[in-house]
Amino acid sequence: MHAALKREAADIIAIGDLLIEAHNQLDHGEWLPWLAENFGSSVSTADNYMAAARLAAKYPSIGNLRLRPTALYPGVVPQWPSRRGLMCSFVSGCLSSGLS
């Protein structure tokens, strides 16, 4: 499963790179019509793919992490364990954290 997720994230990053390249070649006002004709997904999806490509360019090792591809999108709130669960993971057990 990790390999499939990694492949999917790599595909999103590659598509984002291509979208950035296309965007940079277009004049003002041509982006949205070009996107509608050539991309086949929403503007927000294109924005997410481009943001993922920029993030990967800034942090090349991000492709090695076990992340769901959507974790590369801006504004995605990670699903963290509850405060109690997080606290228990940092100590040797819940009893030593006083959270029992």
Foldseek 3Di string as FASTA:
>chain_A
DLVVQLVVLVVLLVVLVVLVVVVVPDDPPVNVVCCVVPPPDDPLSSQQSVQLNVVCVVPVCPSVDSDGNSVSGPPDDDDDDPPQVVQQVVDVGSVVVVND
